Amino acid sequence: LSVRDVALRFGGIVALDGVSFDLHRGQ
């Protein structure tokens, strides 16, 4: 799983701001 610069806004609210991380098999 690779999360790459994920951002999410609800109107003017920033719920996620450029989140990135990797998850490797078996972790």
PDB file of all heavy atoms in Angstrom:
ATOM      1  N   LEU A   1       0.857  -1.185   0.000  1.00  0.00           N
ATOM      2  CA  LEU A   1       0.000   0.000   0.000  1.00  0.00           C
ATOM      3  C   LEU A   1       0.889   1.229   0.000  1.00  0.00           C
ATOM      4  O   LEU A   1       1.834   1.314   0.787  1.00  0.00           O
ATOM      5  CB  LEU A   1      -0.899   0.015   1.238  1.00  0.00           C
ATOM      6  CG  LEU A   1      -1.809   1.237   1.409  1.00  0.00           C
ATOM      7  CD1 LEU A   1      -2.960   1.205   0.405  1.00  0.00           C
ATOM      8  CD2 LEU A   1      -2.346   1.317   2.835  1.00  0.00           C
ATOM      9  N   SER A   2       0.587   2.171  -0.865  1.00  0.00           N
ATOM     10  CA  SER A   2       1.347   3.417  -0.932  1.00  0.00           C
ATOM     11  C   SER A   2       0.377   4.589  -0.937  1.00  0.00           C
ATOM     12  O   SER A   2      -0.455   4.713  -1.838  1.00  0.00           O
ATOM     13  CB  SER A   2       2.226   3.449  -2.184  1.00  0.00           C
ATOM     14  OG  SER A   2       3.047   4.600  -2.196  1.00  0.00           O
ATOM     15  N   VAL A   3       0.462   5.423   0.093  1.00  0.00           N
ATOM     16  CA  VAL A   3      -0.351   6.632   0.199  1.00  0.00           C
ATOM     17  C   VAL A   3       0.530   7.800  -0.230  1.00  0.00           C
ATOM     18  O   VAL A   3       1.579   8.044   0.387  1.00  0.00           O
ATOM     19  CB  VAL A   3      -0.851   6.829   1.641  1.00  0.00           C
ATOM     20  CG1 VAL A   3      -1.624   8.137   1.788  1.00  0.00           C
ATOM     21  CG2 VAL A   3      -1.723   5.649   2.062  1.00  0.00           C
ATOM     22  N   ARG A   4       0.135   8.503  -1.280  1.00  0.00           N
ATOM     23  CA  ARG A   4       0.997   9.508  -1.886  1.00  0.00           C
ATOM     24  C   ARG A   4       0.340  10.892  -1.873  1.00  0.00           C
ATOM     25  O   ARG A   4      -0.609  11.150  -2.621  1.00  0.00           O
ATOM     26  CB  ARG A   4       1.332   9.125  -3.330  1.00  0.00           C
ATOM     27  CG  ARG A   4       2.123   7.829  -3.455  1.00  0.00           C
ATOM     28  CD  ARG A   4       2.495   7.537  -4.892  1.00  0.00           C
ATOM     29  NE  ARG A   4       3.325   6.349  -5.012  1.00  0.00           N
ATOM     30  CZ  ARG A   4       3.748   5.841  -6.171  1.00  0.00           C
ATOM     31  NH1 ARG A   4       3.383   6.429  -7.317  1.00  0.00           N
ATOM     32  NH2 ARG A   4       4.513   4.764  -6.203  1.00  0.00           N
ATOM     33  N   ASP A   5       0.843  11.742  -0.993  1.00  0.00           N
ATOM     34  CA  ASP A   5       0.434  13.156  -0.949  1.00  0.00           C
ATOM     35  C   ASP A   5      -1.088  13.315  -0.936  1.00  0.00           C
ATOM     36  O   ASP A   5      -1.636  14.177  -1.641  1.00  0.00           O
ATOM     37  CB  ASP A   5       1.028  13.924  -2.144  1.00  0.00           C
ATOM     38  CG  ASP A   5       2.542  13.917  -2.114  1.00  0.00           C
ATOM     39  OD1 ASP A   5       3.108  14.178  -1.038  1.00  0.00           O
ATOM     40  OD2 ASP A   5       3.153  13.632  -3.171  1.00  0.00           O
ATOM     41  N   VAL A   6      -1.764  12.519  -0.135  1.00  0.00           N
ATOM     42  CA  VAL A   6      -3.224  12.543  -0.100  1.00  0.00           C
ATOM     43  C   VAL A   6      -3.717  13.765   0.662  1.00  0.00           C
ATOM     44  O   VAL A   6      -3.306  14.032   1.801  1.00  0.00           O
ATOM     45  CB  VAL A   6      -3.775  11.253   0.528  1.00  0.00           C
ATOM     46  CG1 VAL A   6      -5.260  11.379   0.842  1.00  0.00           C
ATOM     47  CG2 VAL A   6      -3.551  10.080  -0.422  1.00  0.00           C
ATOM     48  N   ALA A   7      -4.586  14.502   0.023  1.00  0.00           N
ATOM     49  CA  ALA A   7      -5.207  15.684   0.622  1.00  0.00           C
ATOM     50  C   ALA A   7      -6.713  15.574   0.451  1.00  0.00           C
ATOM     51  O   ALA A   7      -7.204  15.005  -0.529  1.00  0.00           O
ATOM     52  CB  ALA A   7      -4.692  16.965  -0.029  1.00  0.00           C
ATOM     53  N   LEU A   8      -7.443  16.107   1.407  1.00  0.00           N
ATOM     54  CA  LEU A   8      -8.900  16.113   1.325  1.00  0.00           C
ATOM     55  C   LEU A   8      -9.424  17.353   2.032  1.00  0.00           C
ATOM     56  O   LEU A   8      -9.042  17.645   3.170  1.00  0.00           O
ATOM     57  CB  LEU A   8      -9.482  14.857   1.967  1.00  0.00           C
ATOM     58  CG  LEU A   8     -11.006  14.701   1.904  1.00  0.00           C
ATOM     59  CD1 LEU A   8     -11.500  14.667   0.463  1.00  0.00           C
ATOM     60  CD2 LEU A   8     -11.446  13.440   2.645  1.00  0.00           C
ATOM     61  N   ARG A   9     -10.302  18.054   1.345  1.00  0.00           N
ATOM     62  CA  ARG A   9     -10.901  19.259   1.910  1.00  0.00           C
ATOM     63  C   ARG A   9     -12.417  19.133   1.889  1.00  0.00           C
ATOM     64  O   ARG A   9     -12.986  18.651   0.924  1.00  0.00           O
ATOM     65  CB  ARG A   9     -10.466  20.499   1.114  1.00  0.00           C
ATOM     66  CG  ARG A   9      -8.991  20.812   1.270  1.00  0.00           C
ATOM     67  CD  ARG A   9      -8.502  21.861   0.275  1.00  0.00           C
ATOM     68  NE  ARG A   9      -7.101  22.201   0.505  1.00  0.00           N
ATOM     69  CZ  ARG A   9      -6.075  21.478   0.081  1.00  0.00           C
ATOM     70  NH1 ARG A   9      -6.295  20.357  -0.603  1.00  0.00           N
ATOM     71  NH2 ARG A   9      -4.837  21.851   0.338  1.00  0.00           N
ATOM     72  N   PHE A  10     -13.031  19.534   2.972  1.00  0.00           N
ATOM     73  CA  PHE A  10     -14.486  19.623   3.053  1.00  0.00           C
ATOM     74  C   PHE A  10     -14.821  21.105   3.137  1.00  0.00           C
ATOM     75  O   PHE A  10     -14.726  21.712   4.200  1.00  0.00           O
ATOM     76  CB  PHE A  10     -15.020  18.887   4.281  1.00  0.00           C
ATOM     77  CG  PHE A  10     -14.763  17.405   4.270  1.00  0.00           C
ATOM     78  CD1 PHE A  10     -13.809  16.843   5.117  1.00  0.00           C
ATOM     79  CD2 PHE A  10     -15.463  16.559   3.423  1.00  0.00           C
ATOM     80  CE1 PHE A  10     -13.569  15.484   5.126  1.00  0.00           C
ATOM     81  CE2 PHE A  10     -15.232  15.195   3.424  1.00  0.00           C
ATOM     82  CZ  PHE A  10     -14.285  14.653   4.275  1.00  0.00           C
ATOM     83  N   GLY A  11     -15.170  21.698   1.970  1.00  0.00           N
ATOM     84  CA  GLY A  11     -15.377  23.140   1.948  1.00  0.00           C
ATOM     85  C   GLY A  11     -14.061  23.838   2.265  1.00  0.00           C
ATOM     86  O   GLY A  11     -13.045  23.606   1.617  1.00  0.00           O
ATOM     87  N   GLY A  12     -14.060  24.665   3.283  1.00  0.00           N
ATOM     88  CA  GLY A  12     -12.832  25.362   3.663  1.00  0.00           C
ATOM     89  C   GLY A  12     -12.014  24.638   4.695  1.00  0.00           C
ATOM     90  O   GLY A  12     -10.976  25.149   5.137  1.00  0.00           O
ATOM     91  N   ILE A  13     -12.448  23.436   5.108  1.00  0.00           N
ATOM     92  CA  ILE A  13     -11.741  22.683   6.143  1.00  0.00           C
ATOM     93  C   ILE A  13     -10.773  21.699   5.501  1.00  0.00           C
ATOM     94  O   ILE A  13     -11.148  20.905   4.639  1.00  0.00           O
ATOM     95  CB  ILE A  13     -12.734  21.919   7.038  1.00  0.00           C
ATOM     96  CG1 ILE A  13     -13.674  22.900   7.744  1.00  0.00           C
ATOM     97  CG2 ILE A  13     -11.991  21.056   8.055  1.00  0.00           C
ATOM     98  CD1 ILE A  13     -14.786  22.227   8.516  1.00  0.00           C
ATOM     99  N   VAL A  14      -9.511  21.774   5.920  1.00  0.00           N
ATOM    100  CA  VAL A  14      -8.498  20.835   5.432  1.00  0.00           C
ATOM    101  C   VAL A  14      -8.483  19.623   6.363  1.00  0.00           C
ATOM    102  O   VAL A  14      -8.014  19.703   7.492  1.00  0.00           O
ATOM    103  CB  VAL A  14      -7.105  21.491   5.383  1.00  0.00           C
ATOM    104  CG1 VAL A  14      -6.065  20.475   4.896  1.00  0.00           C
ATOM    105  CG2 VAL A  14      -7.126  22.714   4.471  1.00  0.00           C
ATOM    106  N   ALA A  15      -9.010  18.502   5.870  1.00  0.00           N
ATOM    107  CA  ALA A  15      -9.071  17.282   6.687  1.00  0.00           C
ATOM    108  C   ALA A  15      -7.784  16.477   6.576  1.00  0.00           C
ATOM    109  O   ALA A  15      -7.343  15.865   7.557  1.00  0.00           O
ATOM    110  CB  ALA A  15     -10.266  16.432   6.266  1.00  0.00           C
ATOM    111  N   LEU A  16      -7.184  16.458   5.407  1.00  0.00           N
ATOM    112  CA  LEU A  16      -5.898  15.797   5.175  1.00  0.00           C
ATOM    113  C   LEU A  16      -5.037  16.725   4.339  1.00  0.00           C
ATOM    114  O   LEU A  16      -5.519  17.336   3.380  1.00  0.00           O
ATOM    115  CB  LEU A  16      -6.079  14.457   4.452  1.00  0.00           C
ATOM    116  CG  LEU A  16      -6.803  13.345   5.206  1.00  0.00           C
ATOM    117  CD1 LEU A  16      -7.084  12.165   4.284  1.00  0.00           C
ATOM    118  CD2 LEU A  16      -6.018  12.901   6.430  1.00  0.00           C
ATOM    119  N   ASP A  17      -3.751  16.803   4.699  1.00  0.00           N
ATOM    120  CA  ASP A  17      -2.870  17.783   4.071  1.00  0.00           C
ATOM    121  C   ASP A  17      -1.584  17.115   3.604  1.00  0.00           C
ATOM    122  O   ASP A  17      -0.562  17.131   4.289  1.00  0.00           O
ATOM    123  CB  ASP A  17      -2.560  18.902   5.081  1.00  0.00           C
ATOM    124  CG  ASP A  17      -1.779  20.055   4.469  1.00  0.00           C
ATOM    125  OD1 ASP A  17      -1.615  20.080   3.238  1.00  0.00           O
ATOM    126  OD2 ASP A  17      -1.329  20.925   5.246  1.00  0.00           O
ATOM    127  N   GLY A  18      -1.657  16.475   2.427  1.00  0.00           N
ATOM    128  CA  GLY A  18      -0.466  15.896   1.815  1.00  0.00           C
ATOM    129  C   GLY A  18       0.156  14.744   2.585  1.00  0.00           C
ATOM    130  O   GLY A  18       1.376  14.694   2.778  1.00  0.00           O
ATOM    131  N   VAL A  19      -0.657  13.779   3.002  1.00  0.00           N
ATOM    132  CA  VAL A  19      -0.172  12.637   3.792  1.00  0.00           C
ATOM    133  C   VAL A  19       0.428  11.571   2.874  1.00  0.00           C
ATOM    134  O   VAL A  19      -0.192  11.186   1.878  1.00  0.00           O
ATOM    135  CB  VAL A  19      -1.311  12.033   4.632  1.00  0.00           C
ATOM    136  CG1 VAL A  19      -0.823  10.784   5.365  1.00  0.00           C
ATOM    137  CG2 VAL A  19      -1.849  13.061   5.607  1.00  0.00           C
ATOM    138  N   SER A  20       1.627  11.113   3.233  1.00  0.00           N
ATOM    139  CA  SER A  20       2.296  10.052   2.473  1.00  0.00           C
ATOM    140  C   SER A  20       2.898   9.022   3.421  1.00  0.00           C
ATOM    141  O   SER A  20       3.458   9.394   4.462  1.00  0.00           O
ATOM    142  CB  SER A  20       3.420  10.627   1.600  1.00  0.00           C
ATOM    143  OG  SER A  20       2.934  11.501   0.615  1.00  0.00           O
ATOM    144  N   PHE A  21       2.784   7.754   3.074  1.00  0.00           N
ATOM    145  CA  PHE A  21       3.507   6.678   3.757  1.00  0.00           C
ATOM    146  C   PHE A  21       3.339   5.396   2.948  1.00  0.00           C
ATOM    147  O   PHE A  21       2.449   5.283   2.109  1.00  0.00           O
ATOM    148  CB  PHE A  21       3.034   6.464   5.202  1.00  0.00           C
ATOM    149  CG  PHE A  21       1.590   6.049   5.349  1.00  0.00           C
ATOM    150  CD1 PHE A  21       1.204   4.715   5.250  1.00  0.00           C
ATOM    151  CD2 PHE A  21       0.606   6.997   5.604  1.00  0.00           C
ATOM    152  CE1 PHE A  21      -0.113   4.333   5.395  1.00  0.00           C
ATOM    153  CE2 PHE A  21      -0.720   6.632   5.750  1.00  0.00           C
ATOM    154  CZ  PHE A  21      -1.077   5.286   5.647  1.00  0.00           C
ATOM    155  N   ASP A  22       4.222   4.433   3.217  1.00  0.00           N
ATOM    156  CA  ASP A  22       4.164   3.119   2.580  1.00  0.00           C
ATOM    157  C   ASP A  22       3.942   2.052   3.634  1.00  0.00           C
ATOM    158  O   ASP A  22       4.410   2.175   4.775  1.00  0.00           O
ATOM    159  CB  ASP A  22       5.469   2.806   1.842  1.00  0.00           C
ATOM    160  CG  ASP A  22       5.652   3.646   0.586  1.00  0.00           C
ATOM    161  OD1 ASP A  22       4.644   4.107   0.022  1.00  0.00           O
ATOM    162  OD2 ASP A  22       6.826   3.846   0.188  1.00  0.00           O
ATOM    163  N   LEU A  23       3.237   1.007   3.230  1.00  0.00           N
ATOM    164  CA  LEU A  23       3.018  -0.164   4.077  1.00  0.00           C
ATOM    165  C   LEU A  23       3.445  -1.390   3.281  1.00  0.00           C
ATOM    166  O   LEU A  23       2.901  -1.662   2.206  1.00  0.00           O
ATOM    167  CB  LEU A  23       1.546  -0.265   4.482  1.00  0.00           C
ATOM    168  CG  LEU A  23       1.105  -1.499   5.260  1.00  0.00           C
ATOM    169  CD1 LEU A  23       1.933  -1.688   6.527  1.00  0.00           C
ATOM    170  CD2 LEU A  23      -0.383  -1.416   5.597  1.00  0.00           C
ATOM    171  N   HIS A  24       4.436  -2.122   3.806  1.00  0.00           N
ATOM    172  CA  HIS A  24       4.975  -3.284   3.101  1.00  0.00           C
ATOM    173  C   HIS A  24       4.289  -4.566   3.555  1.00  0.00           C
ATOM    174  O   HIS A  24       3.721  -4.637   4.643  1.00  0.00           O
ATOM    175  CB  HIS A  24       6.478  -3.377   3.326  1.00  0.00           C
ATOM    176  CG  HIS A  24       7.251  -2.311   2.613  1.00  0.00           C
ATOM    177  ND1 HIS A  24       7.811  -2.481   1.357  1.00  0.00           N
ATOM    178  CD2 HIS A  24       7.528  -1.027   2.976  1.00  0.00           C
ATOM    179  CE1 HIS A  24       8.397  -1.377   0.984  1.00  0.00           C
ATOM    180  NE2 HIS A  24       8.251  -0.473   1.940  1.00  0.00           N
ATOM    181  N   ARG A  25       4.358  -5.563   2.712  1.00  0.00           N
ATOM    182  CA  ARG A  25       3.722  -6.849   2.988  1.00  0.00           C
ATOM    183  C   ARG A  25       4.223  -7.423   4.314  1.00  0.00           C
ATOM    184  O   ARG A  25       5.417  -7.415   4.595  1.00  0.00           O
ATOM    185  CB  ARG A  25       4.013  -7.845   1.869  1.00  0.00           C
ATOM    186  CG  ARG A  25       3.387  -7.474   0.543  1.00  0.00           C
ATOM    187  CD  ARG A  25       3.733  -8.484  -0.537  1.00  0.00           C
ATOM    188  NE  ARG A  25       3.357  -8.001  -1.859  1.00  0.00           N
ATOM    189  CZ  ARG A  25       2.136  -8.134  -2.374  1.00  0.00           C
ATOM    190  NH1 ARG A  25       1.206  -8.777  -1.681  1.00  0.00           N
ATOM    191  NH2 ARG A  25       1.856  -7.657  -3.571  1.00  0.00           N
ATOM    192  N   GLY A  26       3.270  -7.930   5.099  1.00  0.00           N
ATOM    193  CA  GLY A  26       3.616  -8.569   6.344  1.00  0.00           C
ATOM    194  C   GLY A  26       3.802  -7.629   7.515  1.00  0.00           C
ATOM    195  O   GLY A  26       4.027  -8.082   8.636  1.00  0.00           O
ATOM    196  N   GLN A  27       3.698  -6.325   7.281  1.00  0.00           N
ATOM    197  CA  GLN A  27       3.847  -5.361   8.364  1.00  0.00           C
ATOM    198  C   GLN A  27       2.527  -5.118   9.088  1.00  0.00           C
ATOM    199  O   GLN A  27       1.443  -5.338   8.539  1.00  0.00           O
ATOM    200  CB  GLN A  27       4.351  -4.018   7.838  1.00  0.00           C
ATOM    201  CG  GLN A  27       5.824  -3.930   7.539  1.00  0.00           C
ATOM    202  CD  GLN A  27       6.247  -2.493   7.293  1.00  0.00           C
ATOM    203  OE1 GLN A  27       5.502  -1.694   6.735  1.00  0.00           O
ATOM    204  NE2 GLN A  27       7.462  -2.154   7.700  1.00  0.00           N
TER     205      GLN A  27
END
